[in-house]
Amino acid sequence: MESTEHLLEGDENIEQASRSLKAMSHPLRLKVLCTLNDKEMSVQEIVEEVGTSQSNISQHLGIMRDKGILKARKNANKVYYRVGDPRTLKLISLMREVFCPFDDDHA
């Protein structure tokens, strides 16, 4: 019985990974994640860094929040986002290393 429980637990992790990867697979969402990394940023700061409209960013932030990738908090009239899961932070770190070389040495 123990091995069945372990499989079910593993399947749950696989399902979570699959949902997260699907939600992250959009180019704009990847850019947002690379921008956020391990920081917390307001929606306006994300808009300025990523370079698209606030409504477009808000839509994509909402998708990632709904899938459990991002956490949001309100402070007065601003909403701040951060990556909500340490496993996702590890993945983002690896993605940044491989796919988000922002300095000229990696271009």
C-alpha atoms as a PDB file:
ATOM      1  CA  MET A   1       0.000   0.000   0.000  1.00  0.00           C
ATOM      2  CA  GLU A   2       2.891   2.345   0.733  1.00  0.00           C
ATOM      3  CA  SER A   3       4.188   2.271  -2.848  1.00  0.00           C
ATOM      4  CA  THR A   4       0.725   3.182  -4.187  1.00  0.00           C
ATOM      5  CA  GLU A   5       0.594   6.188  -1.861  1.00  0.00           C
ATOM      6  CA  HIS A   6       4.054   7.202  -3.038  1.00  0.00           C
ATOM      7  CA  LEU A   7       2.934   6.955  -6.681  1.00  0.00           C
ATOM      8  CA  LEU A   8      -0.146   9.056  -6.005  1.00  0.00           C
ATOM      9  CA  GLU A   9       1.953  11.643  -4.221  1.00  0.00           C
ATOM     10  CA  GLY A  10       4.411  11.648  -7.123  1.00  0.00           C
ATOM     11  CA  ASP A  11       1.578  11.986  -9.623  1.00  0.00           C
ATOM     12  CA  GLU A  12       0.310  15.021  -7.741  1.00  0.00           C
ATOM     13  CA  ASN A  13       3.753  16.633  -8.072  1.00  0.00           C
ATOM     14  CA  ILE A  14       3.834  15.742 -11.767  1.00  0.00           C
ATOM     15  CA  GLU A  15       0.396  17.293 -12.270  1.00  0.00           C
ATOM     16  CA  GLN A  16       1.522  20.471 -10.476  1.00  0.00           C
ATOM     17  CA  ALA A  17       4.685  20.619 -12.598  1.00  0.00           C
ATOM     18  CA  SER A  18       2.655  20.127 -15.772  1.00  0.00           C
ATOM     19  CA  ARG A  19       0.186  22.902 -14.850  1.00  0.00           C
ATOM     20  CA  SER A  20       3.041  25.251 -13.963  1.00  0.00           C
ATOM     21  CA  LEU A  21       4.993  24.554 -17.147  1.00  0.00           C
ATOM     22  CA  LYS A  22       1.888  25.076 -19.293  1.00  0.00           C
ATOM     23  CA  ALA A  23       1.193  28.395 -17.584  1.00  0.00           C
ATOM     24  CA  MET A  24       4.822  29.492 -17.995  1.00  0.00           C
ATOM     25  CA  SER A  25       5.046  28.463 -21.645  1.00  0.00           C
ATOM     26  CA  HIS A  26       3.887  31.808 -23.086  1.00  0.00           C
ATOM     27  CA  PRO A  27       6.823  34.055 -24.124  1.00  0.00           C
ATOM     28  CA  LEU A  28       5.488  37.088 -22.244  1.00  0.00           C
ATOM     29  CA  ARG A  29       4.986  35.047 -19.073  1.00  0.00           C
ATOM     30  CA  LEU A  30       8.539  33.744 -19.313  1.00  0.00           C
ATOM     31  CA  LYS A  31       9.773  37.317 -19.691  1.00  0.00           C
ATOM     32  CA  VAL A  32       7.785  38.342 -16.608  1.00  0.00           C
ATOM     33  CA  LEU A  33       9.239  35.427 -14.614  1.00  0.00           C
ATOM     34  CA  CYS A  34      12.771  36.260 -15.745  1.00  0.00           C
ATOM     35  CA  THR A  35      12.129  39.872 -14.712  1.00  0.00           C
ATOM     36  CA  LEU A  36      10.691  38.953 -11.313  1.00  0.00           C
ATOM     37  CA  ASN A  37      13.181  36.214 -10.467  1.00  0.00           C
ATOM     38  CA  ASP A  38      13.302  36.317  -6.635  1.00  0.00           C
ATOM     39  CA  LYS A  39      12.089  39.932  -6.293  1.00  0.00           C
ATOM     40  CA  GLU A  40       8.690  41.370  -5.533  1.00  0.00           C
ATOM     41  CA  MET A  41       7.523  43.988  -8.024  1.00  0.00           C
ATOM     42  CA  SER A  42       4.427  46.098  -8.552  1.00  0.00           C
ATOM     43  CA  VAL A  43       2.367  45.641 -11.690  1.00  0.00           C
ATOM     44  CA  GLN A  44       3.594  49.041 -12.938  1.00  0.00           C
ATOM     45  CA  GLU A  45       7.246  48.067 -12.394  1.00  0.00           C
ATOM     46  CA  ILE A  46       6.657  44.842 -14.332  1.00  0.00           C
ATOM     47  CA  VAL A  47       4.965  46.801 -17.158  1.00  0.00           C
ATOM     48  CA  GLU A  48       7.958  49.162 -17.363  1.00  0.00           C
ATOM     49  CA  GLU A  49      10.481  46.294 -17.413  1.00  0.00           C
ATOM     50  CA  VAL A  50       8.628  44.052 -19.855  1.00  0.00           C
ATOM     51  CA  GLY A  51       7.366  46.791 -22.165  1.00  0.00           C
ATOM     52  CA  THR A  52       3.723  46.028 -22.897  1.00  0.00           C
ATOM     53  CA  SER A  53       0.352  47.359 -21.771  1.00  0.00           C
ATOM     54  CA  GLN A  54      -0.843  47.102 -18.190  1.00  0.00           C
ATOM     55  CA  SER A  55      -3.989  45.244 -19.242  1.00  0.00           C
ATOM     56  CA  ASN A  56      -1.909  42.657 -21.114  1.00  0.00           C
ATOM     57  CA  ILE A  57       0.459  42.173 -18.165  1.00  0.00           C
ATOM     58  CA  SER A  58      -2.439  41.974 -15.700  1.00  0.00           C
ATOM     59  CA  GLN A  59      -4.078  39.223 -17.745  1.00  0.00           C
ATOM     60  CA  HIS A  60      -0.890  37.133 -17.764  1.00  0.00           C
ATOM     61  CA  LEU A  61      -0.156  37.812 -14.085  1.00  0.00           C
ATOM     62  CA  GLY A  62      -3.680  36.614 -13.264  1.00  0.00           C
ATOM     63  CA  ILE A  63      -3.140  33.358 -15.140  1.00  0.00           C
ATOM     64  CA  MET A  64       0.116  32.671 -13.300  1.00  0.00           C
ATOM     65  CA  ARG A  65      -1.481  33.599  -9.966  1.00  0.00           C
ATOM     66  CA  ASP A  66      -4.414  31.251 -10.615  1.00  0.00           C
ATOM     67  CA  LYS A  67      -1.998  28.400 -11.402  1.00  0.00           C
ATOM     68  CA  GLY A  68      -0.096  28.992  -8.146  1.00  0.00           C
ATOM     69  CA  ILE A  69       3.084  30.269  -9.781  1.00  0.00           C
ATOM     70  CA  LEU A  70       2.783  33.811  -8.432  1.00  0.00           C
ATOM     71  CA  LYS A  71       1.566  35.285  -5.161  1.00  0.00           C
ATOM     72  CA  ALA A  72      -0.009  38.729  -5.035  1.00  0.00           C
ATOM     73  CA  ARG A  73      -0.429  41.231  -2.245  1.00  0.00           C
ATOM     74  CA  LYS A  74      -2.191  44.563  -2.211  1.00  0.00           C
ATOM     75  CA  ASN A  75      -0.767  47.663  -0.606  1.00  0.00           C
ATOM     76  CA  ALA A  76      -3.045  50.685  -0.931  1.00  0.00           C
ATOM     77  CA  ASN A  77      -3.793  50.961  -4.661  1.00  0.00           C
ATOM     78  CA  LYS A  78      -0.856  48.846  -5.857  1.00  0.00           C
ATOM     79  CA  VAL A  79      -0.625  45.097  -6.376  1.00  0.00           C
ATOM     80  CA  TYR A  80       2.750  43.429  -5.901  1.00  0.00           C
ATOM     81  CA  TYR A  81       3.710  40.053  -7.346  1.00  0.00           C
ATOM     82  CA  ARG A  82       6.376  37.528  -6.465  1.00  0.00           C
ATOM     83  CA  VAL A  83       7.060  33.907  -7.281  1.00  0.00           C
ATOM     84  CA  GLY A  84       5.141  31.870  -4.727  1.00  0.00           C
ATOM     85  CA  ASP A  85       6.849  28.472  -4.756  1.00  0.00           C
ATOM     86  CA  PRO A  86      10.544  27.785  -3.981  1.00  0.00           C
ATOM     87  CA  ARG A  87      10.562  25.001  -6.604  1.00  0.00           C
ATOM     88  CA  THR A  88       9.448  27.488  -9.230  1.00  0.00           C
ATOM     89  CA  LEU A  89      12.231  29.836  -8.125  1.00  0.00           C
ATOM     90  CA  LYS A  90      14.744  27.039  -8.757  1.00  0.00           C
ATOM     91  CA  LEU A  91      13.255  26.484 -12.197  1.00  0.00           C
ATOM     92  CA  ILE A  92      13.337  30.216 -12.969  1.00  0.00           C
ATOM     93  CA  SER A  93      16.942  30.386 -11.848  1.00  0.00           C
ATOM     94  CA  LEU A  94      17.839  27.610 -14.258  1.00  0.00           C
ATOM     95  CA  MET A  95      15.748  29.202 -17.015  1.00  0.00           C
ATOM     96  CA  ARG A  96      17.476  32.553 -16.472  1.00  0.00           C
ATOM     97  CA  GLU A  97      20.845  30.860 -16.710  1.00  0.00           C
ATOM     98  CA  VAL A  98      19.905  29.078 -19.937  1.00  0.00           C
ATOM     99  CA  PHE A  99      17.365  31.349 -21.650  1.00  0.00           C
ATOM    100  CA  CYS A 100      17.493  34.854 -20.138  1.00  0.00           C
ATOM    101  CA  PRO A 101      21.064  36.071 -20.555  1.00  0.00           C
ATOM    102  CA  PHE A 102      20.486  39.804 -20.099  1.00  0.00           C
ATOM    103  CA  ASP A 103      24.138  40.818 -20.047  1.00  0.00           C
ATOM    104  CA  ASP A 104      26.170  41.187 -23.240  1.00  0.00           C
ATOM    105  CA  ASP A 105      28.556  38.354 -22.365  1.00  0.00           C
ATOM    106  CA  HIS A 106      25.813  35.796 -23.036  1.00  0.00           C
ATOM    107  CA  ALA A 107      24.273  37.424 -26.105  1.00  0.00           C
END
